[in-house]
Amino acid sequence: MASAAAPILPGATVTVQDVTSIYNGYTGFVQRISGDRAAVLFEGGNWDKLVTMRLKDLQPA
């Protein structure tokens, strides 16, 4: 029996898997989901960035 991938929900930690994105390989936290996109918060020392990304470009971390 094959296991289904867990859904990405708000509060999940995700890693960007999109080679065309400058955020490829970055890990962030899902803040909210709307349709097929998620708002992901990236934190890095003295900066925070909230970026909207496609769900298909995100992998659970």
N, C-alpha and C. Protein backbone atom coordinates (compact mmCIF):
# COMPACT_ATOMS: atom_id res chain seq x y z
N MET A 1 0.85 -1.18 0.00
CA MET A 1 0.00 0.00 0.00
C MET A 1 0.90 1.24 0.00
N ALA A 2 0.70 2.13 -0.97
CA ALA A 2 1.51 3.34 -1.07
C ALA A 2 0.95 4.41 -0.14
N SER A 3 1.87 5.11 0.54
CA SER A 3 1.43 6.17 1.45
C SER A 3 1.33 7.48 0.68
N ALA A 4 0.30 8.22 0.95
CA ALA A 4 0.11 9.53 0.31
C ALA A 4 0.97 10.56 1.01
N ALA A 5 1.44 11.53 0.23
CA ALA A 5 2.25 12.60 0.81
C ALA A 5 1.38 13.45 1.73
N ALA A 6 1.94 13.87 2.83
CA ALA A 6 1.21 14.70 3.78
C ALA A 6 0.93 16.06 3.15
N PRO A 7 -0.24 16.61 3.36
CA PRO A 7 -0.55 17.92 2.79
C PRO A 7 0.26 19.03 3.47
N ILE A 8 0.51 20.08 2.74
CA ILE A 8 1.19 21.24 3.30
C ILE A 8 0.12 22.14 3.90
N LEU A 9 0.23 22.42 5.18
CA LEU A 9 -0.75 23.23 5.90
C LEU A 9 -0.05 24.44 6.53
N PRO A 10 -0.82 25.49 6.88
CA PRO A 10 -0.22 26.62 7.57
C PRO A 10 0.51 26.17 8.84
N GLY A 11 1.70 26.71 9.03
CA GLY A 11 2.54 26.34 10.16
C GLY A 11 3.59 25.31 9.80
N ALA A 12 3.48 24.70 8.62
CA ALA A 12 4.44 23.69 8.20
C ALA A 12 5.76 24.34 7.78
N THR A 13 6.84 23.61 8.00
CA THR A 13 8.15 24.03 7.53
C THR A 13 8.35 23.41 6.15
N VAL A 14 8.70 24.22 5.17
CA VAL A 14 8.86 23.76 3.79
C VAL A 14 10.18 24.23 3.21
N THR A 15 10.64 23.51 2.19
CA THR A 15 11.84 23.87 1.44
C THR A 15 11.44 24.10 -0.01
N VAL A 16 11.97 25.15 -0.61
CA VAL A 16 11.65 25.49 -2.00
C VAL A 16 12.43 24.57 -2.92
N GLN A 17 11.73 23.95 -3.87
CA GLN A 17 12.33 23.05 -4.85
C GLN A 17 11.99 23.55 -6.25
N ASP A 18 12.53 24.71 -6.63
CA ASP A 18 12.29 25.32 -7.95
C ASP A 18 13.61 25.92 -8.42
N VAL A 19 14.24 25.30 -9.40
CA VAL A 19 15.57 25.74 -9.84
C VAL A 19 15.55 27.12 -10.48
N THR A 20 14.39 27.63 -10.88
CA THR A 20 14.31 28.96 -11.48
C THR A 20 14.10 30.06 -10.45
N SER A 21 13.93 29.69 -9.19
CA SER A 21 13.67 30.66 -8.13
C SER A 21 14.94 31.02 -7.38
N ILE A 22 15.06 32.29 -7.00
CA ILE A 22 16.21 32.69 -6.19
C ILE A 22 16.11 32.12 -4.78
N TYR A 23 14.95 31.60 -4.41
CA TYR A 23 14.74 31.00 -3.10
C TYR A 23 14.94 29.49 -3.11
N ASN A 24 15.40 28.92 -4.21
CA ASN A 24 15.62 27.48 -4.31
C ASN A 24 16.55 27.01 -3.19
N GLY A 25 16.07 26.03 -2.43
CA GLY A 25 16.85 25.49 -1.32
C GLY A 25 16.60 26.18 0.01
N TYR A 26 15.92 27.33 -0.01
CA TYR A 26 15.62 28.02 1.25
C TYR A 26 14.51 27.28 1.99
N THR A 27 14.55 27.36 3.31
CA THR A 27 13.52 26.76 4.15
C THR A 27 12.76 27.86 4.86
N GLY A 28 11.43 27.75 4.86
CA GLY A 28 10.60 28.76 5.50
C GLY A 28 9.35 28.14 6.12
N PHE A 29 8.49 28.99 6.63
CA PHE A 29 7.27 28.57 7.32
C PHE A 29 6.05 29.04 6.53
N VAL A 30 5.10 28.14 6.29
CA VAL A 30 3.87 28.49 5.58
C VAL A 30 3.00 29.32 6.52
N GLN A 31 2.60 30.51 6.05
CA GLN A 31 1.76 31.40 6.84
C GLN A 31 0.28 31.23 6.48
N ARG A 32 0.00 31.15 5.19
CA ARG A 32 -1.39 30.96 4.75
C ARG A 32 -1.39 30.34 3.36
N ILE A 33 -2.53 29.74 2.99
CA ILE A 33 -2.68 29.09 1.69
C ILE A 33 -3.94 29.63 1.04
N SER A 34 -3.84 29.92 -0.25
CA SER A 34 -4.98 30.39 -1.03
C SER A 34 -4.90 29.75 -2.40
N GLY A 35 -5.85 28.88 -2.69
CA GLY A 35 -5.84 28.19 -3.98
C GLY A 35 -4.64 27.28 -4.10
N ASP A 36 -3.84 27.49 -5.15
CA ASP A 36 -2.66 26.65 -5.36
C ASP A 36 -1.37 27.37 -4.96
N ARG A 37 -1.49 28.41 -4.13
CA ARG A 37 -0.32 29.18 -3.70
C ARG A 37 -0.27 29.26 -2.18
N ALA A 38 0.95 29.45 -1.69
CA ALA A 38 1.16 29.57 -0.25
C ALA A 38 2.04 30.78 0.02
N ALA A 39 1.76 31.48 1.10
CA ALA A 39 2.63 32.57 1.56
C ALA A 39 3.63 31.94 2.52
N VAL A 40 4.92 32.05 2.16
CA VAL A 40 5.98 31.42 2.93
C VAL A 40 6.84 32.51 3.55
N LEU A 41 7.07 32.41 4.86
CA LEU A 41 7.90 33.37 5.58
C LEU A 41 9.31 32.82 5.69
N PHE A 42 10.27 33.60 5.17
CA PHE A 42 11.68 33.27 5.29
C PHE A 42 12.29 34.22 6.30
N GLU A 43 13.03 33.70 7.26
CA GLU A 43 13.67 34.51 8.29
C GLU A 43 15.17 34.28 8.21
N GLY A 44 15.93 35.36 8.30
CA GLY A 44 17.37 35.20 8.24
C GLY A 44 18.10 36.27 9.01
N GLY A 45 18.29 36.07 10.28
CA GLY A 45 19.04 37.04 11.07
C GLY A 45 18.32 38.36 11.19
N ASN A 46 18.76 39.36 10.42
CA ASN A 46 18.17 40.70 10.53
C ASN A 46 17.15 40.98 9.43
N TRP A 47 16.67 39.95 8.72
CA TRP A 47 15.66 40.18 7.69
C TRP A 47 14.57 39.11 7.75
N ASP A 48 13.38 39.50 7.36
CA ASP A 48 12.24 38.60 7.18
C ASP A 48 11.64 38.91 5.83
N LYS A 49 11.18 37.88 5.13
CA LYS A 49 10.60 38.09 3.81
C LYS A 49 9.42 37.15 3.66
N LEU A 50 8.26 37.68 3.26
CA LEU A 50 7.07 36.88 3.02
C LEU A 50 6.88 36.82 1.51
N VAL A 51 6.93 35.61 0.95
CA VAL A 51 6.87 35.41 -0.49
C VAL A 51 5.76 34.44 -0.82
N THR A 52 4.98 34.74 -1.87
CA THR A 52 3.94 33.84 -2.34
C THR A 52 4.55 32.88 -3.35
N MET A 53 4.35 31.58 -3.14
CA MET A 53 4.93 30.56 -4.01
C MET A 53 3.88 29.52 -4.36
N ARG A 54 4.09 28.83 -5.47
CA ARG A 54 3.20 27.74 -5.86
C ARG A 54 3.43 26.54 -4.94
N LEU A 55 2.34 25.88 -4.56
CA LEU A 55 2.44 24.71 -3.68
C LEU A 55 3.28 23.60 -4.30
N LYS A 56 3.21 23.47 -5.64
CA LYS A 56 3.96 22.39 -6.29
C LYS A 56 5.47 22.61 -6.21
N ASP A 57 5.91 23.83 -5.90
CA ASP A 57 7.33 24.12 -5.77
C ASP A 57 7.84 23.97 -4.33
N LEU A 58 6.99 23.51 -3.43
CA LEU A 58 7.35 23.36 -2.02
C LEU A 58 7.35 21.91 -1.60
N GLN A 59 8.32 21.56 -0.77
CA GLN A 59 8.43 20.21 -0.22
C GLN A 59 8.46 20.32 1.30
N PRO A 60 7.75 19.45 2.01
CA PRO A 60 7.84 19.47 3.47
C PRO A 60 9.28 19.24 3.91
N ALA A 61 9.72 20.01 4.89
CA ALA A 61 11.11 19.89 5.37
C ALA A 61 11.21 18.90 6.50
